[in-house]
Protein backbone atom coordinates (compact mmCIF):
# COMPACT_ATOMS: atom_id res chain seq x y z
CA UNK A 1 -86.85 24.09 -89.47
CA UNK A 2 -83.33 25.14 -88.43
CA UNK A 3 -84.67 26.83 -85.32
CA UNK A 4 -86.59 23.73 -84.27
CA UNK A 5 -83.54 21.55 -84.89
CA UNK A 6 -81.31 23.86 -82.83
CA UNK A 7 -83.77 23.95 -79.93
CA UNK A 8 -84.10 20.17 -79.94
CA UNK A 9 -80.35 19.57 -79.92
CA UNK A 10 -79.72 22.16 -77.20
CA UNK A 11 -82.46 20.68 -75.01
CA UNK A 12 -80.99 17.18 -75.27
CA UNK A 13 -77.52 18.58 -74.63
CA UNK A 14 -78.49 20.37 -71.43
CA UNK A 15 -80.43 17.38 -70.14
CA UNK A 16 -77.48 15.08 -70.72
CA UNK A 17 -74.97 17.41 -69.10
CA UNK A 18 -77.12 17.98 -66.02
CA UNK A 19 -77.52 14.22 -65.70
CA UNK A 20 -73.75 13.86 -65.72
CA UNK A 21 -73.41 16.52 -63.01
CA UNK A 22 -75.55 14.74 -60.44
CA UNK A 23 -73.82 13.08 -57.51
CA UNK A 24 -71.12 15.68 -56.95
CA UNK A 25 -71.19 14.91 -53.25
CA UNK A 26 -69.43 12.01 -51.54
CA UNK A 27 -70.26 8.60 -52.95
CA UNK A 28 -72.04 5.99 -50.82
CA UNK A 29 -68.96 3.73 -50.33
CA UNK A 30 -66.93 6.73 -49.13
CA UNK A 31 -69.64 7.71 -46.67
CA UNK A 32 -69.96 4.14 -45.40
CA UNK A 33 -66.21 3.86 -44.82
CA UNK A 34 -66.18 7.24 -43.08
CA UNK A 35 -69.05 6.18 -40.79
CA UNK A 36 -67.32 2.88 -40.03
CA UNK A 37 -64.11 4.69 -39.12
CA UNK A 38 -66.04 7.16 -36.97
CA UNK A 39 -67.36 4.19 -34.96
CA UNK A 40 -64.28 1.93 -34.96
CA UNK A 41 -61.66 4.51 -33.98
CA UNK A 42 -63.43 5.68 -30.78
CA UNK A 43 -64.05 2.05 -29.82
CA UNK A 44 -60.37 1.25 -30.37
CA UNK A 45 -59.38 4.31 -28.37
CA UNK A 46 -61.61 3.26 -25.46
CA UNK A 47 -60.33 -0.33 -25.54
CA UNK A 48 -56.77 0.97 -25.68
CA UNK A 49 -57.43 3.17 -22.66
CA UNK A 50 -58.87 0.27 -20.63
CA UNK A 51 -56.17 -2.14 -21.75
CA UNK A 52 -53.34 0.24 -20.88
CA UNK A 53 -54.95 0.83 -17.50
CA UNK A 54 -54.93 -2.91 -16.83
CA UNK A 55 -51.37 -3.25 -18.11
CA UNK A 56 -50.25 -0.36 -15.89
CA UNK A 57 -51.93 -1.93 -12.87
CA UNK A 58 -50.23 -5.26 -13.54
CA UNK A 59 -46.94 -3.49 -14.21
CA UNK A 60 -47.21 -1.63 -10.91
CA UNK A 61 -47.88 -4.85 -8.99
CA UNK A 62 -45.08 -6.73 -10.72
CA UNK A 63 -42.52 -3.97 -10.30
CA UNK A 64 -43.44 -3.46 -6.65
CA UNK A 65 -43.24 -7.20 -5.94
CA UNK A 66 -39.86 -7.45 -7.72
CA UNK A 67 -38.43 -4.56 -5.70
CA UNK A 68 -39.82 -5.92 -2.44
CA UNK A 69 -38.48 -9.40 -3.19
CA UNK A 70 -35.02 -8.05 -4.02
CA UNK A 71 -35.09 -5.91 -0.88
CA UNK A 72 -36.11 -8.95 1.17
CA UNK A 73 -33.17 -11.00 -0.09
CA UNK A 74 -30.82 -8.09 0.59
CA UNK A 75 -32.19 -7.77 4.14
CA UNK A 76 -31.99 -11.52 4.66
CA UNK A 77 -28.36 -11.59 3.56
CA UNK A 78 -27.45 -8.69 5.83
CA UNK A 79 -29.33 -10.09 8.82
CA UNK A 80 -27.95 -13.59 8.34
CA UNK A 81 -24.40 -12.24 8.21
CA UNK A 82 -24.89 -10.32 11.46
CA UNK A 83 -26.73 -13.16 13.19
CA UNK A 84 -24.12 -15.61 11.93
CA UNK A 85 -21.43 -13.46 13.51
CA UNK A 86 -23.34 -13.29 16.81
CA UNK A 87 -24.02 -17.03 16.72
CA UNK A 88 -20.38 -17.84 16.11
CA UNK A 89 -19.07 -15.65 18.94
CA UNK A 90 -21.80 -16.17 21.53
CA UNK A 91 -22.29 -19.08 23.88
CA UNK A 92 -21.17 -19.96 27.41
CA UNK A 93 -18.15 -18.00 28.63
CA UNK A 94 -16.50 -18.67 32.02
CA UNK A 95 -13.12 -18.66 33.60
CA UNK A 96 -10.55 -15.97 34.04
CA UNK A 97 -10.23 -12.91 31.86
CA UNK A 98 -7.38 -14.49 29.94
CA UNK A 99 -9.40 -17.67 29.38
CA UNK A 100 -12.37 -15.61 28.17
CA UNK A 101 -10.21 -13.63 25.75
CA UNK A 102 -8.53 -16.78 24.43
CA UNK A 103 -11.90 -18.45 23.91
CA UNK A 104 -13.24 -15.44 22.05
CA UNK A 105 -10.09 -15.21 19.91
CA UNK A 106 -10.51 -18.86 19.03
CA UNK A 107 -14.16 -18.27 18.08
CA UNK A 108 -13.20 -15.18 16.06
CA UNK A 109 -10.55 -17.08 14.08
CA UNK A 110 -13.01 -19.87 13.39
CA UNK A 111 -15.66 -17.37 12.27
CA UNK A 112 -13.25 -15.49 9.98
CA UNK A 113 -12.28 -18.74 8.26
CA UNK A 114 -15.90 -19.31 7.24
CA UNK A 115 -17.16 -15.79 6.48
CA UNK A 116 -16.76 -13.56 3.43
CA UNK A 117 -16.74 -10.39 5.55
CA UNK A 118 -14.06 -10.89 8.20
CA UNK A 119 -13.71 -7.13 8.81
CA UNK A 120 -17.10 -6.72 10.48
CA UNK A 121 -15.48 -6.74 13.95
CA UNK A 122 -12.50 -4.97 15.43
CA UNK A 123 -9.85 -6.92 17.37
CA UNK A 124 -10.63 -5.05 20.60
CA UNK A 125 -12.31 -7.18 23.33
CA UNK A 126 -13.36 -5.60 26.60
CA UNK A 127 -14.86 -6.94 29.80
CA UNK A 128 -17.67 -4.60 30.85
CA UNK A 129 -20.98 -4.50 32.60
CA UNK A 130 -23.97 -5.86 30.76
CA UNK A 131 -25.46 -2.95 28.69
CA UNK A 132 -28.63 -1.36 29.94
CA UNK A 133 -31.96 -1.90 28.11
CA UNK A 134 -31.85 1.74 26.93
CA UNK A 135 -28.55 1.09 25.14
CA UNK A 136 -29.09 -2.40 23.79
CA UNK A 137 -31.56 -5.07 22.86
CA UNK A 138 -31.60 -8.50 24.43
CA UNK A 139 -31.46 -11.40 22.03
CA UNK A 140 -32.16 -14.89 23.38
CA UNK A 141 -29.85 -17.18 21.47
CA UNK A 142 -31.62 -20.17 23.00
CA UNK A 143 -33.42 -20.99 26.26
CA UNK A 144 -30.18 -20.88 28.24
CA UNK A 145 -28.09 -18.11 26.64
CA UNK A 146 -28.53 -14.57 25.53
CA UNK A 147 -26.68 -11.76 23.76
CA UNK A 148 -26.95 -7.98 24.14
CA UNK A 149 -26.59 -5.98 20.90
CA UNK A 150 -26.09 -2.23 21.17
CA UNK A 151 -28.78 -0.21 19.40
CA UNK A 152 -26.19 1.86 17.57
CA UNK A 153 -24.70 -1.37 16.19
CA UNK A 154 -21.32 -0.54 17.68
CA UNK A 155 -20.85 -3.75 19.68
CA UNK A 156 -22.47 -6.78 21.25
CA UNK A 157 -21.92 -8.30 24.64
CA UNK A 158 -21.80 -11.99 25.71
CA UNK A 159 -22.56 -12.49 29.45
CA UNK A 160 -19.99 -14.32 31.60
CA UNK A 161 -21.37 -17.39 33.32
CA UNK A 162 -19.17 -17.18 36.44
CA UNK A 163 -19.38 -13.41 36.99
CA UNK A 164 -22.97 -12.12 37.21
CA UNK A 165 -23.57 -8.72 35.60
CA UNK A 166 -20.31 -8.92 33.62
CA UNK A 167 -19.99 -9.52 29.87
CA UNK A 168 -17.37 -9.74 27.16
CA UNK A 169 -17.89 -6.84 24.74
CA UNK A 170 -16.90 -7.36 21.09
CA UNK A 171 -16.61 -4.17 19.02
CA UNK A 172 -18.22 -4.01 15.59
CA UNK A 173 -16.72 -1.94 12.74
CA UNK A 174 -19.61 0.52 12.45
CA UNK A 175 -17.87 2.69 9.88
CA UNK A 176 -17.06 -0.35 7.74
CA UNK A 177 -20.63 -1.58 8.01
CA UNK A 178 -21.97 1.78 6.81
CA UNK A 179 -19.41 2.48 4.09
CA UNK A 180 -18.61 -0.98 2.83
CA UNK A 181 -20.78 -3.86 4.06
CA UNK A 182 -24.22 -2.31 3.45
CA UNK A 183 -23.28 -0.99 -0.05
CA UNK A 184 -21.93 -4.44 -0.95
CA UNK A 185 -25.19 -6.06 0.11
CA UNK A 186 -27.25 -3.53 -1.88
CA UNK A 187 -25.08 -3.89 -4.95
CA UNK A 188 -25.20 -7.67 -4.75
CA UNK A 189 -28.96 -8.07 -4.32
CA UNK A 190 -30.49 -4.97 -5.94
CA UNK A 191 -30.21 -4.84 -9.71
CA UNK A 192 -28.55 -1.90 -11.52
CA UNK A 193 -32.00 -0.84 -12.71
CA UNK A 194 -33.34 -0.67 -9.16
CA UNK A 195 -30.26 1.19 -7.95
CA UNK A 196 -30.56 3.65 -10.83
CA UNK A 197 -34.29 4.29 -10.40
CA UNK A 198 -34.63 4.36 -6.62
CA UNK A 199 -33.26 6.39 -3.75
CA UNK A 200 -32.10 3.79 -1.21
CA UNK A 201 -31.67 4.52 2.50
CA UNK A 202 -31.08 2.57 5.69
CA UNK A 203 -32.39 4.09 8.95
CA UNK A 204 -31.90 3.04 12.54
CA UNK A 205 -34.84 2.61 14.88
CA UNK A 206 -34.72 6.28 15.88
CA UNK A 207 -35.14 7.46 12.29
CA UNK A 208 -31.55 8.61 11.72
CA UNK A 209 -29.88 7.80 8.42
CA UNK A 210 -27.23 5.07 8.55
CA UNK A 211 -26.72 4.74 4.78
CA UNK A 212 -28.05 6.53 1.70
CA UNK A 213 -27.47 6.14 -2.03
CA UNK A 214 -27.55 9.93 -2.42
CA UNK A 215 -25.65 12.50 -0.46
CA UNK A 216 -28.65 14.82 -0.38
CA UNK A 217 -31.10 12.17 0.79
CA UNK A 218 -30.61 12.64 4.56
CA UNK A 219 -31.92 16.17 4.17
CA UNK A 220 -34.82 15.15 1.94
CA UNK A 221 -38.37 14.79 3.18
CA UNK A 222 -39.44 11.25 2.20
CA UNK A 223 -43.09 10.91 3.18
CA UNK A 224 -44.11 7.81 1.26
CA UNK A 225 -41.33 5.37 0.34
CA UNK A 226 -42.30 2.60 -2.04
CA UNK A 227 -40.69 -0.12 0.07
CA UNK A 228 -40.25 -0.13 3.89
CA UNK A 229 -38.69 -3.35 5.15
CA UNK A 230 -36.78 -4.40 8.34
CA UNK A 231 -33.10 -4.54 7.44
CA UNK A 232 -31.87 -6.07 10.72
CA UNK A 233 -34.57 -7.83 12.70
CA UNK A 234 -34.42 -10.10 15.76
CA UNK A 235 -37.14 -11.96 17.59
CA UNK A 236 -36.95 -11.37 21.31
CA UNK A 237 -37.26 -15.14 21.76
CA UNK A 238 -36.87 -17.30 18.65
CA UNK A 239 -39.41 -20.15 18.38
CA UNK A 240 -37.92 -23.60 18.99
CA UNK A 241 -38.63 -24.62 15.40
CA UNK A 242 -36.79 -21.61 13.94
CA UNK A 243 -32.99 -21.41 14.23
CA UNK A 244 -31.57 -18.21 15.57
CA UNK A 245 -29.84 -17.35 12.31
CA UNK A 246 -32.87 -17.94 10.08
CA UNK A 247 -35.50 -15.35 9.16
CA UNK A 248 -39.03 -15.94 7.98
CA UNK A 249 -39.95 -14.09 4.78
CA UNK A 250 -43.54 -13.70 5.91
CA UNK A 251 -42.25 -11.94 9.03
CA UNK A 252 -40.05 -9.71 6.89
CA UNK A 253 -42.74 -8.90 4.34
CA UNK A 254 -46.02 -8.64 6.21
CA UNK A 255 -49.04 -8.01 4.10
CA UNK A 256 -47.39 -9.29 0.91
CA UNK A 257 -50.49 -11.32 0.09
CA UNK A 258 -52.62 -8.21 0.31
CA UNK A 259 -53.77 -7.39 -3.20
CA UNK A 260 -53.63 -3.69 -4.03
CA UNK A 261 -56.68 -1.92 -5.32
CA UNK A 262 -56.82 -1.16 -9.05
CA UNK A 263 -53.99 1.14 -10.04
CA UNK A 264 -56.12 3.72 -11.82
CA UNK A 265 -58.21 4.34 -8.71
CA UNK A 266 -55.26 5.58 -6.64
CA UNK A 267 -53.79 8.88 -7.78
CA UNK A 268 -50.21 9.79 -6.95
CA UNK A 269 -49.68 10.82 -3.34
CA UNK A 270 -52.16 8.36 -1.80
CA UNK A 271 -51.33 6.49 1.38
CA UNK A 272 -51.65 3.02 -0.12
CA UNK A 273 -47.94 2.21 -0.29
CA UNK A 274 -47.52 2.48 3.50
CA UNK A 275 -50.38 0.08 3.97
CA UNK A 276 -48.83 -2.44 1.60
CA UNK A 277 -45.25 -2.37 2.77
CA UNK A 278 -45.26 -1.47 6.48
CA UNK A 279 -44.04 -4.18 8.89
CA UNK A 280 -46.00 -5.08 12.03
CA UNK A 281 -45.74 -3.17 15.30
CA UNK A 282 -45.13 0.10 13.50
CA UNK A 283 -44.45 3.03 15.76
CA UNK A 284 -46.29 6.33 15.17
CA UNK A 285 -44.79 8.32 12.27
CA UNK A 286 -41.97 10.59 13.24
CA UNK A 287 -41.17 13.99 11.72
CA UNK A 288 -40.23 12.25 8.45
CA UNK A 289 -43.66 10.72 8.15
CA UNK A 290 -42.21 7.19 8.48
CA UNK A 291 -42.73 4.43 11.02
CA UNK A 292 -40.27 1.81 12.22
CA UNK A 293 -40.57 -1.58 13.86
CA UNK A 294 -39.36 -1.25 17.41
CA UNK A 295 -37.80 -4.73 17.17
CA UNK A 296 -35.88 -3.81 13.99
CA UNK A 297 -32.55 -2.14 14.59
CA UNK A 298 -32.35 -1.05 10.95
CA UNK A 299 -34.98 -0.32 8.31
CA UNK A 300 -34.45 -0.31 4.53
CA UNK A 301 -36.48 2.13 2.39
CA UNK A 302 -36.64 2.56 -1.39
CA UNK A 303 -38.25 5.59 -3.01
CA UNK A 304 -38.58 5.99 -6.77
CA UNK A 305 -36.91 9.03 -8.31
CA UNK A 306 -40.26 10.14 -9.76
CA UNK A 307 -41.60 10.55 -6.22
CA UNK A 308 -43.09 7.07 -6.05
CA UNK A 309 -43.32 3.94 -8.13
CA UNK A 310 -47.00 4.69 -8.64
CA UNK A 311 -46.20 8.09 -10.16
CA UNK A 312 -43.55 6.53 -12.42
CA UNK A 313 -45.99 3.90 -13.70
CA UNK A 314 -48.65 6.57 -14.15
CA UNK A 315 -46.27 8.69 -16.25
CA UNK A 316 -45.36 5.66 -18.31
CA UNK A 317 -49.06 4.94 -18.80
CA UNK A 318 -49.68 8.51 -19.95
CA UNK A 319 -46.81 8.22 -22.44
CA UNK A 320 -48.20 4.95 -23.76
CA UNK A 321 -51.66 6.46 -24.03
CA UNK A 322 -50.28 9.46 -25.89
CA UNK A 323 -48.36 7.20 -28.26
CA UNK A 324 -51.33 4.91 -28.82
CA UNK A 325 -53.77 7.75 -29.34
CA UNK A 326 -51.26 9.43 -31.64
CA UNK A 327 -51.09 6.27 -33.74
CA UNK A 328 -54.89 6.07 -33.82
CA UNK A 329 -55.12 9.73 -34.82
CA UNK A 330 -52.52 9.16 -37.52
CA UNK A 331 -54.49 6.14 -38.71
CA UNK A 332 -57.71 8.16 -38.72
CA UNK A 333 -56.05 11.08 -40.54
CA UNK A 334 -54.59 8.66 -43.09
CA UNK A 335 -57.99 7.11 -43.67
CA UNK A 336 -59.58 10.54 -44.05
CA UNK A 337 -56.83 11.51 -46.49
CA UNK A 338 -57.37 8.32 -48.47
CA UNK A 339 -61.13 8.87 -48.52
CA UNK A 340 -60.72 12.45 -49.66
CA UNK A 341 -58.21 11.36 -52.28
CA UNK A 342 -60.55 8.64 -53.51
CA UNK A 343 -63.44 11.08 -53.62
CA UNK A 344 -61.24 13.62 -55.40
CA UNK A 345 -60.21 10.99 -57.92
CA UNK A 346 -63.88 10.18 -58.51
CA UNK A 347 -64.64 13.85 -59.01
CA UNK A 348 -61.76 14.24 -61.45
CA UNK A 349 -62.92 11.19 -63.38
CA UNK A 350 -66.44 12.61 -63.40
CA UNK A 351 -65.13 15.95 -64.59
CA UNK A 352 -63.31 14.26 -67.44
CA UNK A 353 -66.54 12.54 -68.46
CA UNK A 354 -68.43 15.81 -68.13
CA UNK A 355 -65.81 17.57 -70.21
CA UNK A 356 -66.10 15.04 -73.01
CA UNK A 357 -69.88 14.97 -72.78
CA UNK A 358 -70.15 18.76 -72.64
CA UNK A 359 -67.81 19.41 -75.52
CA UNK A 360 -69.29 16.71 -77.72
CA UNK A 361 -72.85 17.88 -77.13
CA UNK A 362 -71.96 21.55 -77.46
CA UNK A 363 -70.43 20.75 -80.83
CA UNK A 364 -73.53 18.97 -82.03
CA UNK A 365 -75.69 22.09 -82.23
CA UNK A 366 -73.53 24.14 -84.63
CA UNK A 367 -72.60 21.02 -86.58
CA UNK A 368 -76.25 20.07 -86.99
CA UNK A 369 -77.11 23.60 -88.12
CA UNK A 370 -74.21 23.75 -90.61
CA UNK A 371 -75.01 20.26 -91.88
CA UNK A 372 -78.68 21.04 -92.38
CA UNK A 373 -77.96 24.39 -94.03
CA UNK A 374 -75.32 22.84 -96.28
CA UNK A 375 -77.68 20.07 -97.37
CA UNK A 376 -80.40 22.60 -98.24
CA UNK A 377 -77.94 24.65 -100.27
CA UNK A 378 -76.47 21.59 -101.99
CA UNK A 379 -79.90 20.21 -102.88
CA UNK A 380 -80.98 23.54 -104.41
CA UNK A 381 -83.81 23.97 -101.95
CA UNK A 382 -82.91 27.65 -101.52
CA UNK A 383 -82.98 29.74 -104.71
CA UNK A 384 -83.79 33.21 -103.41
CA UNK A 385 -80.75 35.46 -103.08
CA UNK A 386 -81.87 36.96 -99.79
CA UNK A 387 -82.34 33.50 -98.26
CA UNK A 388 -78.98 32.42 -99.66
CA UNK A 389 -77.36 35.38 -97.87
CA UNK A 390 -79.12 34.52 -94.61
CA UNK A 391 -78.00 30.90 -94.92
CA UNK A 392 -74.45 32.10 -95.47
CA UNK A 393 -74.61 34.33 -92.39
CA UNK A 394 -76.07 31.46 -90.39
CA UNK A 395 -73.29 29.11 -91.44
CA UNK A 396 -70.68 31.76 -90.70
CA UNK A 397 -72.16 32.43 -87.27
CA UNK A 398 -72.31 28.76 -86.36
CA UNK A 399 -68.76 28.20 -87.57
CA UNK A 400 -67.60 31.09 -85.39
CA UNK A 401 -69.52 29.62 -82.51
CA UNK A 402 -67.96 26.24 -83.20
CA UNK A 403 -64.51 27.77 -83.35
CA UNK A 404 -65.13 29.59 -80.07
CA UNK A 405 -66.13 26.34 -78.32
CA UNK A 406 -63.10 24.52 -79.71
CA UNK A 407 -60.81 27.28 -78.48
CA UNK A 408 -62.47 27.16 -75.08
CA UNK A 409 -62.04 23.38 -74.87
CA UNK A 410 -58.39 23.64 -75.89
CA UNK A 411 -57.83 26.40 -73.35
CA UNK A 412 -59.33 24.27 -70.57
CA UNK A 413 -57.23 21.28 -71.63
CA UNK A 414 -54.12 23.45 -71.52
CA UNK A 415 -55.02 24.75 -68.06
CA UNK A 416 -55.63 21.24 -66.72
CA UNK A 417 -52.31 20.02 -68.10
CA UNK A 418 -50.48 22.79 -66.29
CA UNK A 419 -48.50 23.66 -69.41
CA UNK A 420 -50.39 26.83 -70.33
CA UNK A 421 -47.84 29.67 -70.54
CA UNK A 422 -48.63 33.25 -71.57
CA UNK A 423 -46.14 35.59 -73.25
CA UNK A 424 -46.74 38.98 -71.63
CA UNK A 425 -46.12 42.40 -73.18
CA UNK A 426 -47.33 45.97 -72.46
CA UNK A 427 -50.76 46.48 -74.04
CA UNK A 428 -53.57 48.99 -73.65
CA UNK A 429 -56.94 47.93 -72.39
CA UNK A 430 -58.76 49.99 -75.05
CA UNK A 431 -57.38 47.85 -77.85
CA UNK A 432 -58.35 44.60 -76.13
CA UNK A 433 -61.88 45.68 -75.24
CA UNK A 434 -62.51 47.09 -78.72
CA UNK A 435 -61.46 43.84 -80.41
CA UNK A 436 -63.40 41.80 -77.89
CA UNK A 437 -66.67 43.68 -78.46
CA UNK A 438 -66.19 43.50 -82.22
CA UNK A 439 -65.70 39.70 -82.11
CA UNK A 440 -68.55 39.18 -79.63
CA UNK A 441 -71.09 41.02 -81.75
CA UNK A 442 -70.65 38.38 -84.44
CA UNK A 443 -71.93 35.74 -82.00
CA UNK A 444 -74.85 37.55 -80.37
CA UNK A 445 -78.22 38.81 -81.62
CA UNK A 446 -78.11 42.12 -83.45
CA UNK A 447 -80.65 43.71 -81.13
CA UNK A 448 -78.35 43.29 -78.12
CA UNK A 449 -76.39 46.45 -77.35
CA UNK A 450 -72.97 46.61 -75.71
CA UNK A 451 -72.04 49.93 -74.11
CA UNK A 452 -68.33 50.68 -73.63
CA UNK A 453 -67.01 53.33 -71.24
CA UNK A 454 -63.25 53.83 -70.77
CA UNK A 455 -61.62 56.40 -68.50
CA UNK A 456 -58.97 58.52 -70.19
CA UNK A 457 -55.24 58.09 -69.67
CA UNK A 458 -55.33 54.59 -68.33
CA UNK A 459 -51.92 52.93 -67.85
CA UNK A 460 -50.83 50.00 -69.96
CA UNK A 461 -51.12 46.50 -68.55
CA UNK A 462 -48.72 43.62 -68.96
CA UNK A 463 -50.58 40.77 -70.57
CA UNK A 464 -51.23 38.41 -73.42
CA UNK A 465 -53.62 40.02 -75.87
CA UNK A 466 -55.18 36.81 -77.17
CA UNK A 467 -55.69 35.32 -73.69
CA UNK A 468 -57.22 38.50 -72.27
CA UNK A 469 -59.49 38.89 -75.28
CA UNK A 470 -60.69 35.29 -74.75
CA UNK A 471 -61.34 36.05 -71.08
CA UNK A 472 -63.37 39.19 -71.84
CA UNK A 473 -65.29 37.37 -74.59
CA UNK A 474 -66.31 34.79 -72.01
CA UNK A 475 -67.57 37.52 -69.69
CA UNK A 476 -69.46 39.33 -72.49
CA UNK A 477 -71.06 36.16 -73.84
CA UNK A 478 -71.99 35.16 -70.31
CA UNK A 479 -73.64 38.57 -69.76
CA UNK A 480 -75.51 38.30 -73.04
CA UNK A 481 -76.80 34.80 -72.27
CA UNK A 482 -78.11 35.79 -68.85
CA UNK A 483 -79.39 39.26 -69.71
CA UNK A 484 -82.93 37.94 -70.13
CA UNK A 485 -85.30 40.43 -71.66
CA UNK A 486 -82.87 43.30 -71.00
CA UNK A 487 -80.84 43.34 -74.22
CA UNK A 488 -78.01 45.39 -72.75
CA UNK A 489 -74.49 44.81 -71.48
CA UNK A 490 -72.19 47.45 -70.07
CA UNK A 491 -68.39 47.47 -70.11
CA UNK A 492 -66.37 49.95 -68.04
CA UNK A 493 -62.62 50.46 -67.65
CA UNK A 494 -61.19 52.74 -65.00
CA UNK A 495 -58.16 53.32 -62.81
CA UNK A 496 -57.92 51.58 -59.44
CA UNK A 497 -55.33 50.17 -57.07
CA UNK A 498 -54.42 46.54 -56.50
CA UNK A 499 -52.20 45.71 -53.51
CA UNK A 500 -51.44 49.47 -53.20
CA UNK A 501 -50.18 49.55 -56.80
CA UNK A 502 -51.83 51.19 -59.85
CA UNK A 503 -54.18 48.86 -61.69
CA UNK A 504 -56.92 48.87 -64.33
CA UNK A 505 -60.40 47.73 -63.33
CA UNK A 506 -62.74 46.33 -66.00
CA UNK A 507 -66.41 45.86 -65.14
CA UNK A 508 -68.81 43.76 -67.22
CA UNK A 509 -72.40 44.10 -66.04
CA UNK A 510 -75.93 43.32 -67.11
CA UNK A 511 -79.49 43.74 -65.86
CA UNK A 512 -80.44 40.12 -66.36
CA UNK A 513 -81.66 37.21 -64.27
CA UNK A 514 -78.74 37.34 -61.83
CA UNK A 515 -77.14 34.54 -59.84
CA UNK A 516 -78.62 32.87 -56.77
CA UNK A 517 -76.71 33.44 -53.52
CA UNK A 518 -76.07 29.72 -53.12
CA UNK A 519 -74.38 29.54 -56.55
CA UNK A 520 -72.00 32.50 -56.15
CA UNK A 521 -69.35 30.44 -54.33
CA UNK A 522 -69.26 27.80 -57.10
CA UNK A 523 -69.63 29.63 -60.42
CA UNK A 524 -65.88 29.62 -61.05
CA UNK A 525 -65.66 25.82 -60.67
CA UNK A 526 -65.28 23.84 -63.91
CA UNK A 527 -68.59 22.54 -65.35
CA UNK A 528 -70.65 24.22 -62.65
CA UNK A 529 -73.86 25.88 -63.78
CA UNK A 530 -76.22 27.85 -61.59
CA UNK A 531 -79.78 26.83 -60.90
CA UNK A 532 -81.13 29.77 -62.95
CA UNK A 533 -79.25 28.54 -66.01
CA UNK A 534 -80.63 25.03 -65.55
CA UNK A 535 -84.20 26.21 -64.98
CA UNK A 536 -84.18 28.48 -68.04
CA UNK A 537 -82.28 25.92 -70.18
CA UNK A 538 -79.57 28.37 -71.14
CA UNK A 539 -76.85 26.76 -73.22
CA UNK A 540 -73.32 26.43 -71.91
CA UNK A 541 -70.77 23.97 -70.58
CA UNK A 542 -69.76 25.67 -67.35
CA UNK A 543 -66.16 26.21 -68.50
CA UNK A 544 -66.13 29.90 -69.48
CA UNK A 545 -65.87 31.48 -66.03
CA UNK A 546 -63.35 28.90 -64.83
CA UNK A 547 -61.10 29.64 -67.80
CA UNK A 548 -61.53 33.39 -67.35
CA UNK A 549 -60.54 33.24 -63.69
CA UNK A 550 -57.43 31.25 -64.55
CA UNK A 551 -56.39 33.74 -67.25
CA UNK A 552 -56.92 36.76 -64.99
CA UNK A 553 -55.00 35.23 -62.10
CA UNK A 554 -52.19 34.18 -64.47
CA UNK A 555 -51.82 37.91 -65.27
CA UNK A 556 -51.53 38.75 -61.56
CA UNK A 557 -55.10 40.07 -61.37
CA UNK A 558 -58.30 39.26 -59.56
CA UNK A 559 -61.80 38.33 -60.68
CA UNK A 560 -64.84 38.84 -58.45
CA UNK A 561 -68.60 38.90 -58.89
CA UNK A 562 -71.58 40.73 -57.42
CA UNK A 563 -75.08 39.65 -58.29
CA UNK A 564 -78.70 39.80 -57.19
CA UNK A 565 -81.46 37.63 -58.65
CA UNK A 566 -83.63 39.47 -61.23
CA UNK A 567 -81.53 42.64 -60.80
CA UNK A 568 -78.31 41.89 -62.60
CA UNK A 569 -74.72 40.71 -62.34
CA UNK A 570 -71.39 42.53 -62.25
CA UNK A 571 -68.02 40.86 -62.94
CA UNK A 572 -65.02 42.90 -61.79
CA UNK A 573 -61.57 42.29 -63.26
CA UNK A 574 -58.53 44.03 -61.79
CA UNK A 575 -55.22 43.86 -63.68
CA UNK A 576 -51.97 45.45 -62.42
CA UNK A 577 -50.48 48.26 -64.48
CA UNK A 578 -47.34 47.54 -66.49
CA UNK A 579 -45.52 50.66 -65.22
CA UNK A 580 -45.86 54.33 -64.43
CA UNK A 581 -46.31 55.35 -68.06
CA UNK A 582 -49.72 56.49 -69.26
CA UNK A 583 -51.31 54.94 -72.32
CA UNK A 584 -53.69 56.32 -74.90
CA UNK A 585 -57.20 57.49 -74.14
């Protein structure tokens, strides 16, 4: 009757525990969230890539247009100042030399009273021949008058009406124009940001540098400036509807309505900038790779410090992409961490339920046996002395078993709390193994033999006697349970080395059913039970090996296993020696 009761309780216990252990993998909500993130994050990354490409393209267009507009206003201001000077001093001149000089002095005084740059000309006035076409350009002030401006911007000549071939030559302050006037114009019309980010240069129509924002720029090879714009431009014959001192922005910025191709399709170093910014009538590129309008005495160029504005925008786009993708990766990693944490929390909650279920059901079997045996004894059902002795042994055995399970549950609870501390002292392995085998034999069938083999002169180990005995009891009981029809368990203790230091190696082996290869990596996990144990309905809670591993590692040792199905299992414990002294045999 007791045997049938025990079998029934153990069968229900194992069925309940295995039911609780199902679903150890990721739960469905966790998998759904992970799949959603796996789809959403790449989509967001792709949209971010496209969006940043569009933003970079728009940024490139806007920045280029802003720089070109600012350069246009700077060029307009410079050209208007020069043309205003020429307009004020030109016109019909006739009479004697003195009369011509007096007239020009009068015009100069009138011009200086209305200009903000009265130092553009020098007081020297000379009467000379009209400059040759190789030295100057002819500017038609109107249909009846003209002016000759030297190509090196050193002077301009106003023809004399009464002396053919003669002209009054007014000297311009070339040095002041280069060192003062042009920098003032650039500072006034180009923002500090533009001046800080661009190399600015003014070239004459032969390609020589007239002004540069950097001392090293004249020696630099500037192949593709971001902006090329006429800085001083004159129409050979101004249209009647356009005053001489007015400039048309469309003439200054040809091609400004041309829309550039998408930014991402033009890698750095392409020729697109020249096509966007070049003025009409461009001469063939000179040795600098730049062209100049033959009607423009001066040309203004701006080149970004990065090599080109396009390269600068591209670098900024790459930085934005890196930052955006970094944020997305951080978001993805955070979500993965949260999912893993949630799954871990579910597993811990499941383990707590399994622990309660396992302990409660493991306790039912011995309690049911003791209860049934006690009732039979109390009711006087058993009168025979031999049966009374067997009942007493049965009750004693079940109480020991119950005590062992309680100790195991308390040990696991202490390990999980993190407050389990062991007081270590030098002990000999012979004493521990002897006590362990003696205690284990009270819990196993009498026909099961345990063979002990200990090498002589083993060193002492530093450990806690009670904890180590509990660990070895777990290994012995585990070997007994899985020994199958082979009622034998072997225990060996011998000298070895652990991390190049003397150590004691304890081997607990059997010739039982063994452990499947797929279970070997998990047998030390709490509540885990191998498939062989489930198939053969072997009792247990899956805590013994987990507790044993913790105890061994707390003593600075290692626990490993070797097993083959239907051949046997070998657990190997290695514990460091306490010192160089030798213990008893």
